C-alpha atoms as a PDB file:
ATOM      1  CA  MET A   1      -9.262 -86.764 101.797  1.00  0.00           C
ATOM      2  CA  ASN A   2     -10.489 -89.439 104.219  1.00  0.00           C
ATOM      3  CA  ALA A   3     -13.419 -88.924 106.734  1.00  0.00           C
ATOM      4  CA  ASP A   4     -11.098 -87.803 109.421  1.00  0.00           C
ATOM      5  CA  PHE A   5      -9.470 -85.341 107.958  1.00  0.00           C
ATOM      6  CA  ARG A   6     -12.302 -83.680 107.002  1.00  0.00           C
ATOM      7  CA  ALA A   7     -13.467 -83.295 110.092  1.00  0.00           C
ATOM      8  CA  VAL A   8     -10.542 -81.920 111.329  1.00  0.00           C
ATOM      9  CA  ARG A   9     -10.426 -79.627 108.428  1.00  0.00           C
ATOM     10  CA  LYS A  10     -13.244 -78.301 109.133  1.00  0.00           C
ATOM     11  CA  ILE A  11     -13.059 -77.660 112.909  1.00  0.00           C
ATOM     12  CA  LEU A  12      -9.980 -75.400 111.898  1.00  0.00           C
ATOM     13  CA  TRP A  13     -11.830 -74.025 109.390  1.00  0.00           C
ATOM     14  CA  GLU A  14     -15.724 -73.279 110.928  1.00  0.00           C
ATOM     15  CA  ASP A  15     -14.417 -73.117 115.256  1.00  0.00           C
ATOM     16  CA  TRP A  16     -10.317 -72.391 115.397  1.00  0.00           C
ATOM     17  CA  ASP A  17     -10.066 -69.623 112.399  1.00  0.00           C
ATOM     18  CA  PRO A  18      -6.758 -67.538 113.663  1.00  0.00           C
ATOM     19  CA  ILE A  19      -7.276 -65.654 110.489  1.00  0.00           C
ATOM     20  CA  GLY A  20     -10.622 -64.950 111.160  1.00  0.00           C
ATOM     21  CA  CYS A  21     -12.064 -62.725 107.827  1.00  0.00           C
ATOM     22  CA  GLY A  22     -13.522 -65.179 105.581  1.00  0.00           C
ATOM     23  CA  VAL A  23     -10.469 -67.704 104.832  1.00  0.00           C
ATOM     24  CA  PRO A  24     -11.069 -70.219 101.806  1.00  0.00           C
ATOM     25  CA  GLN A  25     -11.914 -74.182 103.621  1.00  0.00           C
ATOM     26  CA  ASP A  26      -8.476 -75.159 102.090  1.00  0.00           C
ATOM     27  CA  GLU A  27      -6.788 -72.567 104.548  1.00  0.00           C
ATOM     28  CA  TYR A  28      -5.520 -74.670 107.233  1.00  0.00           C
ATOM     29  CA  ASP A  29      -5.227 -77.697 105.189  1.00  0.00           C
ATOM     30  CA  TYR A  30      -1.756 -77.485 106.177  1.00  0.00           C
ATOM     31  CA  TYR A  31      -2.230 -77.536 109.889  1.00  0.00           C
ATOM     32  CA  ALA A  32      -5.188 -80.444 110.068  1.00  0.00           C
ATOM     33  CA  GLY A  33      -2.184 -82.764 108.727  1.00  0.00           C
ATOM     34  CA  PRO A  34      -0.615 -82.626 111.794  1.00  0.00           C
ATOM     35  CA  ALA A  35      -3.371 -82.468 114.117  1.00  0.00           C
ATOM     36  CA  LEU A  36      -4.912 -85.563 112.893  1.00  0.00           C
ATOM     37  CA  ARG A  37      -1.221 -87.266 113.562  1.00  0.00           C
ATOM     38  CA  LEU A  38      -1.972 -86.031 116.903  1.00  0.00           C
ATOM     39  CA  LEU A  39      -5.427 -87.252 117.091  1.00  0.00           C
ATOM     40  CA  ILE A  40      -4.597 -90.739 115.653  1.00  0.00           C
ATOM     41  CA  GLU A  41      -1.376 -91.137 118.085  1.00  0.00           C
ATOM     42  CA  LYS A  42      -3.647 -90.302 121.149  1.00  0.00           C
ATOM     43  CA  ALA A  43      -1.969 -87.148 122.212  1.00  0.00           C
ATOM     44  CA  PRO A  44      -2.922 -85.526 125.193  1.00  0.00           C
ATOM     45  CA  PRO A  45      -5.353 -82.680 124.837  1.00  0.00           C
ATOM     46  CA  ALA A  46      -2.730 -80.336 126.050  1.00  0.00           C
ATOM     47  CA  ASP A  47      -0.421 -81.411 123.335  1.00  0.00           C
ATOM     48  CA  VAL A  48      -3.361 -80.733 120.558  1.00  0.00           C
ATOM     49  CA  ALA A  49      -3.876 -77.647 122.150  1.00  0.00           C
ATOM     50  CA  ASP A  50       0.153 -76.335 122.194  1.00  0.00           C
ATOM     51  CA  TYR A  51       0.004 -77.220 118.655  1.00  0.00           C
ATOM     52  CA  LEU A  52      -2.525 -75.439 117.475  1.00  0.00           C
ATOM     53  CA  ARG A  53      -1.943 -72.164 120.066  1.00  0.00           C
ATOM     54  CA  GLN A  54       1.726 -72.280 118.693  1.00  0.00           C
ATOM     55  CA  THR A  55       1.285 -72.672 115.161  1.00  0.00           C
ATOM     56  CA  ALA A  56      -1.342 -69.717 115.610  1.00  0.00           C
ATOM     57  CA  ALA A  57       0.678 -67.326 117.844  1.00  0.00           C
ATOM     58  CA  ASP A  58       3.833 -68.637 115.529  1.00  0.00           C
ATOM     59  CA  THR A  59       3.433 -69.479 111.990  1.00  0.00           C
ATOM     60  CA  ILE A  60      -0.205 -67.712 111.160  1.00  0.00           C
ATOM     61  CA  GLY A  61       1.272 -64.434 113.552  1.00  0.00           C
ATOM     62  CA  CYS A  62      -2.778 -65.037 115.309  1.00  0.00           C
ATOM     63  CA  PRO A  63      -2.900 -65.584 118.394  1.00  0.00           C
ATOM     64  CA  VAL A  64      -6.076 -67.148 119.454  1.00  0.00           C
ATOM     65  CA  ASP A  65      -7.666 -66.806 122.279  1.00  0.00           C
ATOM     66  CA  GLU A  66      -7.947 -69.461 125.185  1.00  0.00           C
ATOM     67  CA  GLU A  67     -11.585 -70.292 125.701  1.00  0.00           C
ATOM     68  CA  LYS A  68     -11.680 -70.768 122.231  1.00  0.00           C
ATOM     69  CA  LEU A  69      -8.952 -72.832 121.766  1.00  0.00           C
ATOM     70  CA  ALA A  70     -10.800 -74.948 124.564  1.00  0.00           C
ATOM     71  CA  ARG A  71     -13.487 -75.467 122.699  1.00  0.00           C
ATOM     72  CA  VAL A  72     -11.273 -76.515 119.738  1.00  0.00           C
ATOM     73  CA  VAL A  73      -9.572 -79.230 121.551  1.00  0.00           C
ATOM     74  CA  ALA A  74     -12.707 -80.218 123.310  1.00  0.00           C
ATOM     75  CA  LYS A  75     -14.229 -80.863 119.352  1.00  0.00           C
ATOM     76  CA  LEU A  76     -11.010 -82.567 118.241  1.00  0.00           C
ATOM     77  CA  MET A  77     -10.865 -84.878 121.479  1.00  0.00           C
ATOM     78  CA  ALA A  78     -13.963 -85.852 120.573  1.00  0.00           C
ATOM     79  CA  LEU A  79     -13.073 -87.206 117.065  1.00  0.00           C
ATOM     80  CA  GLN A  80     -10.262 -89.031 118.621  1.00  0.00           C
ATOM     81  CA  GLU A  81     -12.796 -90.727 120.900  1.00  0.00           C
ATOM     82  CA  GLY A  82     -15.140 -91.485 117.751  1.00  0.00           C
ATOM     83  CA  GLU A  83     -17.637 -88.817 118.477  1.00  0.00           C
ATOM     84  CA  THR A  84     -19.550 -86.457 116.670  1.00  0.00           C
ATOM     85  CA  PRO A  85     -18.266 -82.870 118.078  1.00  0.00           C
ATOM     86  CA  ILE A  86     -21.165 -80.935 118.772  1.00  0.00           C
END
């Protein structure tokens, strides 16, 4: 696992967490790779948000509220810029 993957994984587990009931730390690993790929490809925030929104609602079955999603996307975009997310 590289540092970028670990950072995305941490944000998805700590902040995105659509299931929200104390899931194992690797619960969202399957979704971290595609999210990281979007960041590497310099996708716009709207694309990252769309991926996470659709994944939460359609794949996991637990939609994430838009305010929470915006905070998660901001943290992920900070990684894209090489910043440390708050």
